[in-house]
Amino acid sequence: MAGLCGALAALTRNVGLVLVAPLAWEAFHQWREARAGGAPASETTSRLAVAWLWSAAVVTGTGAYLWFWKHTSGDWLAPLHQQKGWQREASFPLWTITKATREAFRWIGVYAGGYHLLDWLIVVPCLVACGYAVWRFRPTFGVYAWASLAAPLVYIFEPRPFMSVPRFLLPIFPVFWAFSRWGERRGVHDAIVAASAVGLGVMTVLFVNWYYVF
């Protein structure tokens, strides 16, 4: 069932393809738990193989999407070719983070430089939360978080490295789990709520006035 749901996710959104990684890791994690519980090696190994095959079913969603464009336009990679208009380029994630940090504090007080700082203030706390997810939650959720972040950090608009990353963060639920865990302390909870409320207000005002926040 998880593989079929992953295929549907990949069919509707190209980054859904990254679900292969957490599903495959969860299959391995369950196999390791079963072996630790004394289950027969032959039985658990066959289950692992089947689970990995179902994990790979996610690829069929992406394949169906690309087939649609081949059938419609004659080009399997039409969506990727169309994205050239966004001027995105390949980048190593650590370089993306480094460049975005430098740009965030380089243009303070200069018009349009605020976009870099705004992106940074949203993305960096969420990166920390993803790191926390790896440390504190089931490994599958950490894999999901970082696999989902890989796409926007690897394929960037170089003049504004974190552009669009905030919206890519929205479905990464382990981030919100991390903030929820941190918010169990009253003082931290109040700070998170206050920052979220102020951030929502600022982003709403900017968005409705056609500033490039997305």
N, C-alpha and C. Protein backbone atom coordinates (compact mmCIF):
# COMPACT_ATOMS: atom_id res chain seq x y z
N MET A 1 0.82 -1.20 0.00
CA MET A 1 0.00 0.00 0.00
C MET A 1 0.86 1.26 0.00
N ALA A 2 1.93 1.25 0.80
CA ALA A 2 2.81 2.41 0.86
C ALA A 2 3.43 2.69 -0.51
N GLY A 3 3.81 1.62 -1.22
CA GLY A 3 4.40 1.80 -2.55
C GLY A 3 3.41 2.40 -3.53
N LEU A 4 2.15 1.97 -3.45
CA LEU A 4 1.11 2.52 -4.34
C LEU A 4 0.85 3.98 -4.03
N CYS A 5 0.79 4.31 -2.75
CA CYS A 5 0.61 5.71 -2.37
C CYS A 5 1.79 6.56 -2.82
N GLY A 6 2.99 5.99 -2.71
CA GLY A 6 4.17 6.71 -3.19
C GLY A 6 4.13 6.94 -4.69
N ALA A 7 3.63 5.94 -5.42
CA ALA A 7 3.50 6.09 -6.87
C ALA A 7 2.52 7.20 -7.22
N LEU A 8 1.43 7.31 -6.47
CA LEU A 8 0.47 8.39 -6.70
C LEU A 8 1.09 9.74 -6.38
N ALA A 9 1.89 9.79 -5.33
CA ALA A 9 2.58 11.04 -4.99
C ALA A 9 3.55 11.45 -6.09
N ALA A 10 4.28 10.48 -6.64
CA ALA A 10 5.22 10.77 -7.71
C ALA A 10 4.50 11.13 -9.01
N LEU A 11 3.29 10.63 -9.16
CA LEU A 11 2.50 10.94 -10.36
C LEU A 11 2.02 12.39 -10.35
N THR A 12 1.75 12.91 -9.17
CA THR A 12 1.21 14.26 -9.07
C THR A 12 2.27 15.32 -8.82
N ARG A 13 3.45 14.90 -8.38
CA ARG A 13 4.51 15.86 -8.07
C ARG A 13 5.85 15.19 -8.30
N ASN A 14 6.73 15.80 -9.09
CA ASN A 14 7.96 15.10 -9.45
C ASN A 14 8.85 14.79 -8.25
N VAL A 15 8.82 15.64 -7.22
CA VAL A 15 9.65 15.35 -6.05
C VAL A 15 9.11 14.17 -5.25
N GLY A 16 7.92 13.68 -5.61
CA GLY A 16 7.42 12.48 -4.97
C GLY A 16 8.33 11.28 -5.18
N LEU A 17 9.19 11.36 -6.17
CA LEU A 17 10.13 10.28 -6.45
C LEU A 17 11.04 10.00 -5.26
N VAL A 18 11.31 11.02 -4.44
CA VAL A 18 12.23 10.83 -3.31
C VAL A 18 11.66 9.87 -2.27
N LEU A 19 10.37 9.54 -2.36
CA LEU A 19 9.77 8.62 -1.39
C LEU A 19 10.36 7.22 -1.51
N VAL A 20 11.03 6.93 -2.61
CA VAL A 20 11.72 5.64 -2.73
C VAL A 20 12.68 5.43 -1.56
N ALA A 21 13.43 6.48 -1.21
CA ALA A 21 14.46 6.36 -0.17
C ALA A 21 13.89 6.03 1.21
N PRO A 22 12.92 6.80 1.74
CA PRO A 22 12.41 6.44 3.07
C PRO A 22 11.66 5.11 3.10
N LEU A 23 10.96 4.76 2.01
CA LEU A 23 10.26 3.48 2.00
C LEU A 23 11.26 2.31 2.00
N ALA A 24 12.31 2.45 1.21
CA ALA A 24 13.33 1.40 1.18
C ALA A 24 14.04 1.29 2.53
N TRP A 25 14.30 2.43 3.17
CA TRP A 25 14.96 2.40 4.47
C TRP A 25 14.06 1.78 5.53
N GLU A 26 12.75 2.10 5.49
CA GLU A 26 11.81 1.52 6.46
C GLU A 26 11.75 0.01 6.30
N ALA A 27 11.79 -0.46 5.06
CA ALA A 27 11.80 -1.91 4.82
C ALA A 27 13.04 -2.54 5.45
N PHE A 28 14.18 -1.89 5.27
CA PHE A 28 15.42 -2.40 5.86
C PHE A 28 15.35 -2.36 7.38
N HIS A 29 14.79 -1.27 7.93
CA HIS A 29 14.70 -1.13 9.39
C HIS A 29 13.81 -2.22 9.98
N GLN A 30 12.69 -2.51 9.32
CA GLN A 30 11.81 -3.56 9.81
C GLN A 30 12.48 -4.93 9.70
N TRP A 31 13.25 -5.13 8.64
CA TRP A 31 13.99 -6.38 8.49
C TRP A 31 14.99 -6.56 9.63
N ARG A 32 15.68 -5.48 9.97
CA ARG A 32 16.66 -5.55 11.05
C ARG A 32 15.98 -5.82 12.40
N GLU A 33 14.81 -5.21 12.62
CA GLU A 33 14.06 -5.46 13.85
C GLU A 33 13.60 -6.91 13.92
N ALA A 34 13.15 -7.44 12.78
CA ALA A 34 12.70 -8.83 12.75
C ALA A 34 13.85 -9.79 13.05
N ARG A 35 15.02 -9.49 12.48
CA ARG A 35 16.19 -10.35 12.73
C ARG A 35 16.60 -10.28 14.19
N ALA A 36 16.52 -9.09 14.78
CA ALA A 36 16.88 -8.95 16.19
C ALA A 36 15.88 -9.69 17.08
N GLY A 37 14.65 -9.83 16.58
CA GLY A 37 13.62 -10.55 17.34
C GLY A 37 13.68 -12.05 17.17
N GLY A 38 14.63 -12.53 16.36
CA GLY A 38 14.81 -13.97 16.21
C GLY A 38 14.06 -14.60 15.06
N ALA A 39 13.51 -13.79 14.14
CA ALA A 39 12.80 -14.35 12.99
C ALA A 39 13.79 -15.07 12.08
N PRO A 40 13.33 -16.13 11.39
CA PRO A 40 14.21 -16.89 10.48
C PRO A 40 14.79 -16.00 9.38
N ALA A 41 16.06 -16.21 9.07
CA ALA A 41 16.74 -15.37 8.08
C ALA A 41 16.10 -15.48 6.70
N SER A 42 15.74 -16.70 6.30
CA SER A 42 15.17 -16.89 4.96
C SER A 42 13.85 -16.13 4.80
N GLU A 43 13.03 -16.20 5.86
CA GLU A 43 11.72 -15.53 5.81
C GLU A 43 11.88 -14.02 5.78
N THR A 44 12.73 -13.48 6.64
CA THR A 44 12.89 -12.03 6.70
C THR A 44 13.55 -11.48 5.44
N THR A 45 14.48 -12.24 4.86
CA THR A 45 15.15 -11.78 3.65
C THR A 45 14.19 -11.71 2.48
N SER A 46 13.31 -12.70 2.37
CA SER A 46 12.32 -12.67 1.28
C SER A 46 11.35 -11.51 1.46
N ARG A 47 10.97 -11.23 2.70
CA ARG A 47 10.10 -10.10 2.96
C ARG A 47 10.78 -8.79 2.61
N LEU A 48 12.07 -8.71 2.91
CA LEU A 48 12.82 -7.49 2.57
C LEU A 48 12.86 -7.27 1.07
N ALA A 49 13.08 -8.35 0.32
CA ALA A 49 13.14 -8.24 -1.14
C ALA A 49 11.80 -7.76 -1.69
N VAL A 50 10.71 -8.31 -1.19
CA VAL A 50 9.38 -7.90 -1.65
C VAL A 50 9.12 -6.43 -1.28
N ALA A 51 9.50 -6.06 -0.06
CA ALA A 51 9.29 -4.69 0.39
C ALA A 51 10.08 -3.70 -0.47
N TRP A 52 11.30 -4.07 -0.83
CA TRP A 52 12.09 -3.18 -1.69
C TRP A 52 11.47 -3.05 -3.08
N LEU A 53 10.90 -4.13 -3.58
CA LEU A 53 10.22 -4.06 -4.87
C LEU A 53 9.02 -3.11 -4.80
N TRP A 54 8.27 -3.17 -3.71
CA TRP A 54 7.15 -2.26 -3.53
C TRP A 54 7.64 -0.82 -3.37
N SER A 55 8.77 -0.64 -2.73
CA SER A 55 9.34 0.70 -2.61
C SER A 55 9.67 1.26 -3.98
N ALA A 56 10.19 0.40 -4.84
CA ALA A 56 10.54 0.83 -6.19
C ALA A 56 9.31 1.16 -7.03
N ALA A 57 8.12 0.75 -6.56
CA ALA A 57 6.89 1.05 -7.30
C ALA A 57 6.65 2.54 -7.42
N VAL A 58 7.27 3.31 -6.53
CA VAL A 58 7.15 4.78 -6.61
C VAL A 58 7.60 5.28 -7.97
N VAL A 59 8.60 4.61 -8.54
CA VAL A 59 9.15 5.03 -9.83
C VAL A 59 8.09 4.97 -10.93
N THR A 60 7.13 4.07 -10.78
CA THR A 60 6.10 3.95 -11.82
C THR A 60 5.27 5.22 -11.93
N GLY A 61 5.10 5.92 -10.83
CA GLY A 61 4.37 7.19 -10.87
C GLY A 61 5.08 8.21 -11.72
N THR A 62 6.40 8.35 -11.48
CA THR A 62 7.20 9.27 -12.29
C THR A 62 7.23 8.82 -13.74
N GLY A 63 7.35 7.50 -13.95
CA GLY A 63 7.37 6.97 -15.32
C GLY A 63 6.09 7.28 -16.06
N ALA A 64 4.94 7.15 -15.38
CA ALA A 64 3.66 7.45 -16.01
C ALA A 64 3.55 8.93 -16.36
N TYR A 65 4.07 9.77 -15.49
CA TYR A 65 4.05 11.22 -15.73
C TYR A 65 4.89 11.57 -16.97
N LEU A 66 6.08 10.98 -17.04
CA LEU A 66 6.95 11.26 -18.20
C LEU A 66 6.35 10.67 -19.47
N TRP A 67 5.70 9.50 -19.37
CA TRP A 67 5.05 8.92 -20.55
C TRP A 67 3.95 9.84 -21.07
N PHE A 68 3.22 10.46 -20.15
CA PHE A 68 2.17 11.40 -20.56
C PHE A 68 2.75 12.51 -21.42
N TRP A 69 3.89 13.06 -20.98
CA TRP A 69 4.49 14.14 -21.76
C TRP A 69 5.06 13.64 -23.08
N LYS A 70 5.57 12.43 -23.09
CA LYS A 70 6.05 11.84 -24.35
C LYS A 70 4.88 11.69 -25.31
N HIS A 71 3.75 11.21 -24.82
CA HIS A 71 2.57 11.02 -25.64
C HIS A 71 1.99 12.35 -26.11
N THR A 72 2.07 13.38 -25.25
CA THR A 72 1.46 14.67 -25.55
C THR A 72 2.34 15.55 -26.42
N SER A 73 3.63 15.61 -26.09
CA SER A 73 4.52 16.56 -26.76
C SER A 73 5.65 15.90 -27.55
N GLY A 74 5.83 14.58 -27.37
CA GLY A 74 6.93 13.91 -28.05
C GLY A 74 8.25 14.00 -27.30
N ASP A 75 8.23 14.60 -26.12
CA ASP A 75 9.46 14.79 -25.34
C ASP A 75 9.25 14.20 -23.94
N TRP A 76 10.00 13.15 -23.61
CA TRP A 76 9.89 12.54 -22.29
C TRP A 76 10.19 13.55 -21.18
N LEU A 77 11.15 14.43 -21.41
CA LEU A 77 11.62 15.34 -20.37
C LEU A 77 11.11 16.76 -20.56
N ALA A 78 9.95 16.89 -21.16
CA ALA A 78 9.38 18.22 -21.43
C ALA A 78 9.30 19.09 -20.17
N PRO A 79 8.85 18.58 -19.01
CA PRO A 79 8.78 19.43 -17.82
C PRO A 79 10.15 19.98 -17.40
N LEU A 80 11.18 19.13 -17.50
CA LEU A 80 12.52 19.58 -17.13
C LEU A 80 13.05 20.60 -18.12
N HIS A 81 12.77 20.38 -19.39
CA HIS A 81 13.24 21.34 -20.39
C HIS A 81 12.55 22.68 -20.24
N GLN A 82 11.28 22.66 -19.84
CA GLN A 82 10.56 23.91 -19.63
C GLN A 82 11.11 24.69 -18.44
N GLN A 83 11.68 23.98 -17.47
CA GLN A 83 12.20 24.64 -16.29
C GLN A 83 13.47 25.44 -16.55
N LYS A 84 14.02 25.31 -17.74
CA LYS A 84 15.21 26.11 -18.06
C LYS A 84 14.91 27.60 -17.95
N GLY A 85 13.63 27.95 -18.16
CA GLY A 85 13.25 29.35 -18.05
C GLY A 85 13.42 29.91 -16.65
N TRP A 86 13.49 29.02 -15.65
CA TRP A 86 13.69 29.46 -14.27
C TRP A 86 15.17 29.60 -13.93
N GLN A 87 16.04 29.25 -14.87
CA GLN A 87 17.49 29.45 -14.71
C GLN A 87 18.06 28.70 -13.50
N ARG A 88 17.53 27.52 -13.26
CA ARG A 88 18.05 26.74 -12.14
C ARG A 88 19.27 25.93 -12.58
N GLU A 89 20.20 25.76 -11.63
CA GLU A 89 21.44 25.05 -11.91
C GLU A 89 21.73 24.05 -10.80
N ALA A 90 22.51 23.04 -11.15
CA ALA A 90 22.90 22.03 -10.17
C ALA A 90 23.87 22.62 -9.15
N SER A 91 23.74 22.19 -7.91
CA SER A 91 24.61 22.70 -6.84
C SER A 91 24.75 21.64 -5.76
N PHE A 92 25.88 21.62 -5.08
CA PHE A 92 26.08 20.73 -3.94
C PHE A 92 25.36 21.33 -2.75
N PRO A 93 24.57 20.57 -1.98
CA PRO A 93 23.76 21.14 -0.90
C PRO A 93 24.53 22.00 0.09
N LEU A 94 25.72 21.56 0.52
CA LEU A 94 26.48 22.36 1.48
C LEU A 94 26.89 23.70 0.87
N TRP A 95 27.20 23.69 -0.42
CA TRP A 95 27.53 24.94 -1.09
C TRP A 95 26.30 25.84 -1.16
N THR A 96 25.14 25.25 -1.41
CA THR A 96 23.90 26.03 -1.45
C THR A 96 23.66 26.72 -0.12
N ILE A 97 23.82 25.97 0.98
CA ILE A 97 23.60 26.54 2.31
C ILE A 97 24.62 27.64 2.61
N THR A 98 25.88 27.38 2.25
CA THR A 98 26.94 28.38 2.49
C THR A 98 26.67 29.66 1.72
N LYS A 99 26.34 29.51 0.44
CA LYS A 99 26.09 30.68 -0.40
C LYS A 99 24.86 31.45 0.09
N ALA A 100 23.81 30.72 0.46
CA ALA A 100 22.59 31.37 0.94
C ALA A 100 22.86 32.14 2.23
N THR A 101 23.69 31.58 3.11
CA THR A 101 24.04 32.26 4.36
C THR A 101 24.84 33.52 4.09
N ARG A 102 25.78 33.43 3.19
CA ARG A 102 26.58 34.61 2.85
C ARG A 102 25.71 35.71 2.26
N GLU A 103 24.81 35.34 1.36
CA GLU A 103 23.95 36.33 0.72
C GLU A 103 22.94 36.93 1.72
N ALA A 104 22.53 36.14 2.70
CA ALA A 104 21.55 36.61 3.68
C ALA A 104 22.06 37.80 4.48
N PHE A 105 23.35 37.78 4.81
CA PHE A 105 23.90 38.84 5.65
C PHE A 105 24.77 39.83 4.87
N ARG A 106 24.86 39.61 3.58
CA ARG A 106 25.69 40.50 2.76
C ARG A 106 24.93 41.76 2.35
N TRP A 107 23.61 41.63 2.18
CA TRP A 107 22.84 42.73 1.59
C TRP A 107 21.86 43.38 2.57
N ILE A 108 22.12 43.26 3.85
CA ILE A 108 21.22 43.87 4.84
C ILE A 108 21.19 45.38 4.64
N GLY A 109 19.99 45.91 4.52
CA GLY A 109 19.84 47.36 4.32
C GLY A 109 19.82 47.76 2.86
N VAL A 110 20.05 46.81 1.96
CA VAL A 110 20.05 47.09 0.52
C VAL A 110 18.76 46.54 -0.07
N TYR A 111 18.09 47.30 -0.94
CA TYR A 111 16.83 46.87 -1.52
C TYR A 111 16.96 45.51 -2.21
N ALA A 112 15.99 44.69 -1.97
CA ALA A 112 15.88 43.32 -2.49
C ALA A 112 16.78 42.34 -1.75
N GLY A 113 17.72 42.85 -0.95
CA GLY A 113 18.55 41.94 -0.17
C GLY A 113 17.77 41.24 0.93
N GLY A 114 16.66 41.84 1.32
CA GLY A 114 15.84 41.25 2.37
C GLY A 114 15.27 39.90 2.00
N TYR A 115 15.12 39.62 0.71
CA TYR A 115 14.63 38.31 0.28
C TYR A 115 15.56 37.20 0.78
N HIS A 116 16.86 37.42 0.66
CA HIS A 116 17.83 36.42 1.08
C HIS A 116 17.74 36.16 2.58
N LEU A 117 17.64 37.24 3.36
CA LEU A 117 17.57 37.08 4.82
C LEU A 117 16.26 36.42 5.23
N LEU A 118 15.16 36.78 4.58
CA LEU A 118 13.87 36.18 4.89
C LEU A 118 13.89 34.68 4.61
N ASP A 119 14.43 34.30 3.45
CA ASP A 119 14.55 32.87 3.13
C ASP A 119 15.38 32.15 4.19
N TRP A 120 16.48 32.78 4.57
CA TRP A 120 17.40 32.16 5.53
C TRP A 120 16.74 31.95 6.88
N LEU A 121 15.98 32.96 7.34
CA LEU A 121 15.33 32.88 8.64
C LEU A 121 14.28 31.77 8.69
N ILE A 122 13.73 31.42 7.54
CA ILE A 122 12.75 30.33 7.49
C ILE A 122 13.43 28.98 7.33
N VAL A 123 14.41 28.91 6.44
CA VAL A 123 14.99 27.61 6.06
C VAL A 123 15.93 27.06 7.12
N VAL A 124 16.80 27.90 7.68
CA VAL A 124 17.83 27.39 8.59
C VAL A 124 17.24 26.73 9.84
N PRO A 125 16.25 27.33 10.52
CA PRO A 125 15.65 26.62 11.65
C PRO A 125 15.05 25.27 11.25
N CYS A 126 14.53 25.20 10.04
CA CYS A 126 13.96 23.93 9.57
C CYS A 126 15.05 22.92 9.26
N LEU A 127 16.21 23.37 8.82
CA LEU A 127 17.34 22.46 8.63
C LEU A 127 17.77 21.87 9.97
N VAL A 128 17.79 22.72 10.99
CA VAL A 128 18.12 22.24 12.34
C VAL A 128 17.09 21.21 12.79
N ALA A 129 15.82 21.49 12.51
CA ALA A 129 14.76 20.55 12.87
C ALA A 129 14.93 19.22 12.15
N CYS A 130 15.36 19.25 10.89
CA CYS A 130 15.61 18.01 10.15
C CYS A 130 16.74 17.22 10.80
N GLY A 131 17.77 17.93 11.25
CA GLY A 131 18.85 17.26 11.96
C GLY A 131 18.36 16.61 13.25
N TYR A 132 17.49 17.30 13.94
CA TYR A 132 16.90 16.77 15.17
C TYR A 132 16.07 15.53 14.87
N ALA A 133 15.36 15.55 13.74
CA ALA A 133 14.53 14.40 13.35
C ALA A 133 15.39 13.16 13.15
N VAL A 134 16.55 13.32 12.58
CA VAL A 134 17.47 12.20 12.39
C VAL A 134 17.90 11.63 13.73
N TRP A 135 18.12 12.51 14.68
CA TRP A 135 18.65 12.11 15.99
C TRP A 135 17.58 11.49 16.89
N ARG A 136 16.35 12.05 16.86
CA ARG A 136 15.37 11.69 17.87
C ARG A 136 14.22 10.80 17.37
N PHE A 137 13.94 10.82 16.08
CA PHE A 137 12.79 10.08 15.58
C PHE A 137 13.24 8.80 14.86
N ARG A 138 12.29 8.00 14.48
CA ARG A 138 12.60 6.78 13.73
C ARG A 138 13.41 7.15 12.49
N PRO A 139 14.46 6.39 12.18
CA PRO A 139 15.34 6.77 11.06
C PRO A 139 14.62 7.06 9.75
N THR A 140 13.52 6.36 9.51
CA THR A 140 12.77 6.57 8.27
C THR A 140 12.37 8.03 8.09
N PHE A 141 11.98 8.67 9.19
CA PHE A 141 11.51 10.05 9.10
C PHE A 141 12.66 11.01 8.82
N GLY A 142 13.84 10.70 9.35
CA GLY A 142 15.02 11.51 9.03
C GLY A 142 15.39 11.38 7.57
N VAL A 143 15.32 10.15 7.05
CA VAL A 143 15.61 9.93 5.63
C VAL A 143 14.62 10.69 4.76
N TYR A 144 13.34 10.63 5.14
CA TYR A 144 12.31 11.35 4.39
C TYR A 144 12.58 12.85 4.39
N ALA A 145 12.93 13.39 5.56
CA ALA A 145 13.16 14.83 5.67
C ALA A 145 14.30 15.29 4.77
N TRP A 146 15.42 14.60 4.84
CA TRP A 146 16.58 15.04 4.07
C TRP A 146 16.45 14.71 2.59
N ALA A 147 15.79 13.62 2.26
CA ALA A 147 15.56 13.31 0.85
C ALA A 147 14.65 14.37 0.22
N SER A 148 13.66 14.83 0.98
CA SER A 148 12.74 15.85 0.47
C SER A 148 13.44 17.19 0.30
N LEU A 149 14.44 17.45 1.14
CA LEU A 149 15.19 18.70 1.03
C LEU A 149 16.20 18.67 -0.10
N ALA A 150 16.57 17.47 -0.53
CA ALA A 150 17.64 17.35 -1.52
C ALA A 150 17.30 18.10 -2.81
N ALA A 151 16.08 17.94 -3.30
CA ALA A 151 15.71 18.55 -4.59
C ALA A 151 15.91 20.06 -4.62
N PRO A 152 15.33 20.83 -3.68
CA PRO A 152 15.50 22.28 -3.74
C PRO A 152 16.91 22.74 -3.40
N LEU A 153 17.69 21.93 -2.69
CA LEU A 153 19.06 22.33 -2.36
C LEU A 153 20.06 21.95 -3.44
N VAL A 154 19.69 21.01 -4.28
CA VAL A 154 20.59 20.55 -5.35
C VAL A 154 20.34 21.31 -6.65
N TYR A 155 19.10 21.73 -6.86
CA TYR A 155 18.72 22.37 -8.13
C TYR A 155 18.22 23.77 -7.79
N ILE A 156 19.11 24.78 -7.93
CA ILE A 156 18.83 26.10 -7.35
C ILE A 156 18.86 27.21 -8.39
N PHE A 157 18.24 28.32 -8.01
CA PHE A 157 18.38 29.58 -8.74
C PHE A 157 19.53 30.31 -8.07
N GLU A 158 20.70 30.32 -8.69
CA GLU A 158 21.92 30.73 -8.02
C GLU A 158 21.88 32.15 -7.44
N PRO A 159 21.27 33.14 -8.10
CA PRO A 159 21.23 34.47 -7.47
C PRO A 159 20.45 34.52 -6.16
N ARG A 160 19.58 33.53 -5.93
CA ARG A 160 18.82 33.45 -4.68
C ARG A 160 18.70 31.98 -4.29
N PRO A 161 19.74 31.43 -3.64
CA PRO A 161 19.86 29.98 -3.44
C PRO A 161 18.69 29.32 -2.72
N PHE A 162 18.08 30.01 -1.77
CA PHE A 162 16.98 29.41 -1.01
C PHE A 162 15.60 29.75 -1.58
N MET A 163 15.55 30.29 -2.78
CA MET A 163 14.27 30.64 -3.37
C MET A 163 13.41 29.38 -3.52
N SER A 164 12.18 29.47 -3.08
CA SER A 164 11.19 28.38 -3.15
C SER A 164 11.39 27.29 -2.11
N VAL A 165 12.53 27.28 -1.41
CA VAL A 165 12.74 26.23 -0.41
C VAL A 165 11.67 26.29 0.68
N PRO A 166 11.23 27.48 1.14
CA PRO A 166 10.18 27.49 2.18
C PRO A 166 8.93 26.70 1.80
N ARG A 167 8.49 26.77 0.55
CA ARG A 167 7.29 26.01 0.19
C ARG A 167 7.58 24.52 0.06
N PHE A 168 8.81 24.17 -0.28
CA PHE A 168 9.16 22.75 -0.31
C PHE A 168 9.20 22.15 1.10
N LEU A 169 9.35 23.00 2.10
CA LEU A 169 9.39 22.53 3.48
C LEU A 169 8.03 22.13 4.01
N LEU A 170 6.97 22.65 3.41
CA LEU A 170 5.63 22.47 3.97
C LEU A 170 5.22 21.00 4.18
N PRO A 171 5.51 20.08 3.23
CA PRO A 171 5.09 18.69 3.47
C PRO A 171 6.09 17.86 4.29
N ILE A 172 7.16 18.48 4.76
CA ILE A 172 8.17 17.73 5.53
C ILE A 172 7.73 17.72 6.99
N PHE A 173 6.84 16.82 7.32
CA PHE A 173 6.20 16.82 8.63
C PHE A 173 7.14 16.58 9.81
N PRO A 174 8.30 15.86 9.65
CA PRO A 174 9.18 15.73 10.81
C PRO A 174 9.69 17.08 11.33
N VAL A 175 9.72 18.10 10.47
CA VAL A 175 10.10 19.43 10.92
C VAL A 175 9.12 19.93 11.99
N PHE A 176 7.84 19.75 11.73
CA PHE A 176 6.82 20.21 12.67
C PHE A 176 6.79 19.35 13.93
N TRP A 177 7.12 18.08 13.78
CA TRP A 177 7.25 17.23 14.97
C TRP A 177 8.36 17.75 15.87
N ALA A 178 9.47 18.16 15.25
CA ALA A 178 10.60 18.67 16.03
C ALA A 178 10.21 19.93 16.79
N PHE A 179 9.55 20.86 16.11
CA PHE A 179 9.13 22.09 16.79
C PHE A 179 8.13 21.77 17.91
N SER A 180 7.28 20.79 17.67
CA SER A 180 6.33 20.39 18.70
C SER A 180 7.05 19.82 19.92
N ARG A 181 8.07 19.01 19.67
CA ARG A 181 8.84 18.45 20.78
C ARG A 181 9.56 19.56 21.56
N TRP A 182 10.16 20.50 20.83
CA TRP A 182 10.82 21.61 21.51
C TRP A 182 9.83 22.45 22.31
N GLY A 183 8.61 22.55 21.79
CA GLY A 183 7.61 23.39 22.43
C GLY A 183 6.98 22.79 23.67
N GLU A 184 7.45 21.62 24.09
CA GLU A 184 6.91 21.03 25.31
C GLU A 184 7.30 21.85 26.54
N ARG A 185 8.36 22.64 26.41
CA ARG A 185 8.72 23.56 27.48
C ARG A 185 7.95 24.87 27.26
N ARG A 186 7.37 25.37 28.33
CA ARG A 186 6.46 26.50 28.19
C ARG A 186 7.13 27.72 27.56
N GLY A 187 8.30 28.09 28.03
CA GLY A 187 8.97 29.27 27.48
C GLY A 187 9.28 29.11 26.00
N VAL A 188 9.73 27.93 25.62
CA VAL A 188 10.04 27.65 24.21
C VAL A 188 8.75 27.64 23.39
N HIS A 189 7.73 27.05 23.95
CA HIS A 189 6.43 27.01 23.26
C HIS A 189 5.94 28.42 22.95
N ASP A 190 6.00 29.31 23.91
CA ASP A 190 5.54 30.68 23.71
C ASP A 190 6.38 31.39 22.64
N ALA A 191 7.69 31.14 22.66
CA ALA A 191 8.56 31.76 21.66
C ALA A 191 8.24 31.26 20.26
N ILE A 192 7.98 29.96 20.12
CA ILE A 192 7.64 29.39 18.82
C ILE A 192 6.33 29.96 18.31
N VAL A 193 5.32 30.04 19.19
CA VAL A 193 4.03 30.58 18.79
C VAL A 193 4.15 32.04 18.39
N ALA A 194 4.91 32.83 19.16
CA ALA A 194 5.08 34.25 18.85
C ALA A 194 5.79 34.44 17.52
N ALA A 195 6.89 33.69 17.30
CA ALA A 195 7.63 33.79 16.05
C ALA A 195 6.77 33.37 14.86
N SER A 196 5.97 32.32 15.05
CA SER A 196 5.10 31.83 13.97
C SER A 196 4.03 32.87 13.63
N ALA A 197 3.45 33.47 14.66
CA ALA A 197 2.40 34.47 14.44
C ALA A 197 2.95 35.70 13.72
N VAL A 198 4.10 36.17 14.16
CA VAL A 198 4.72 37.33 13.51
C VAL A 198 5.10 36.98 12.08
N GLY A 199 5.69 35.79 11.91
CA GLY A 199 6.08 35.38 10.56
C GLY A 199 4.90 35.26 9.62
N LEU A 200 3.79 34.71 10.11
CA LEU A 200 2.59 34.60 9.29
C LEU A 200 2.08 35.98 8.89
N GLY A 201 2.08 36.90 9.83
CA GLY A 201 1.62 38.25 9.52
C GLY A 201 2.49 38.93 8.47
N VAL A 202 3.80 38.83 8.64
CA VAL A 202 4.73 39.46 7.70
C VAL A 202 4.60 38.84 6.31
N MET A 203 4.59 37.51 6.26
CA MET A 203 4.50 36.83 4.97
C MET A 203 3.18 37.12 4.26
N THR A 204 2.10 37.22 5.02
CA THR A 204 0.80 37.51 4.42
C THR A 204 0.80 38.90 3.78
N VAL A 205 1.33 39.87 4.50
CA VAL A 205 1.39 41.24 3.97
C VAL A 205 2.26 41.29 2.71
N LEU A 206 3.39 40.63 2.75
CA LEU A 206 4.27 40.62 1.58
C LEU A 206 3.61 39.92 0.39
N PHE A 207 2.97 38.79 0.66
CA PHE A 207 2.38 38.01 -0.43
C PHE A 207 1.25 38.76 -1.11
N VAL A 208 0.36 39.35 -0.35
CA VAL A 208 -0.79 40.03 -0.95
C VAL A 208 -0.37 41.31 -1.66
N ASN A 209 0.83 41.79 -1.38
CA ASN A 209 1.35 42.97 -2.07
C ASN A 209 2.33 42.60 -3.18
N TRP A 210 2.28 41.35 -3.60
CA TRP A 210 3.02 40.87 -4.78
C TRP A 210 4.54 40.86 -4.62
N TYR A 211 5.00 40.72 -3.38
CA TYR A 211 6.43 40.50 -3.21
C TYR A 211 6.74 39.02 -3.50
N TYR A 212 7.98 38.75 -3.87
CA TYR A 212 8.33 37.41 -4.32
C TYR A 212 8.68 36.50 -3.15
N VAL A 213 7.65 36.15 -2.38
CA VAL A 213 7.81 35.22 -1.26
C VAL A 213 7.00 33.98 -1.58
N PHE A 214 7.70 32.87 -1.75
CA PHE A 214 7.04 31.61 -2.10
C PHE A 214 7.99 30.46 -1.87
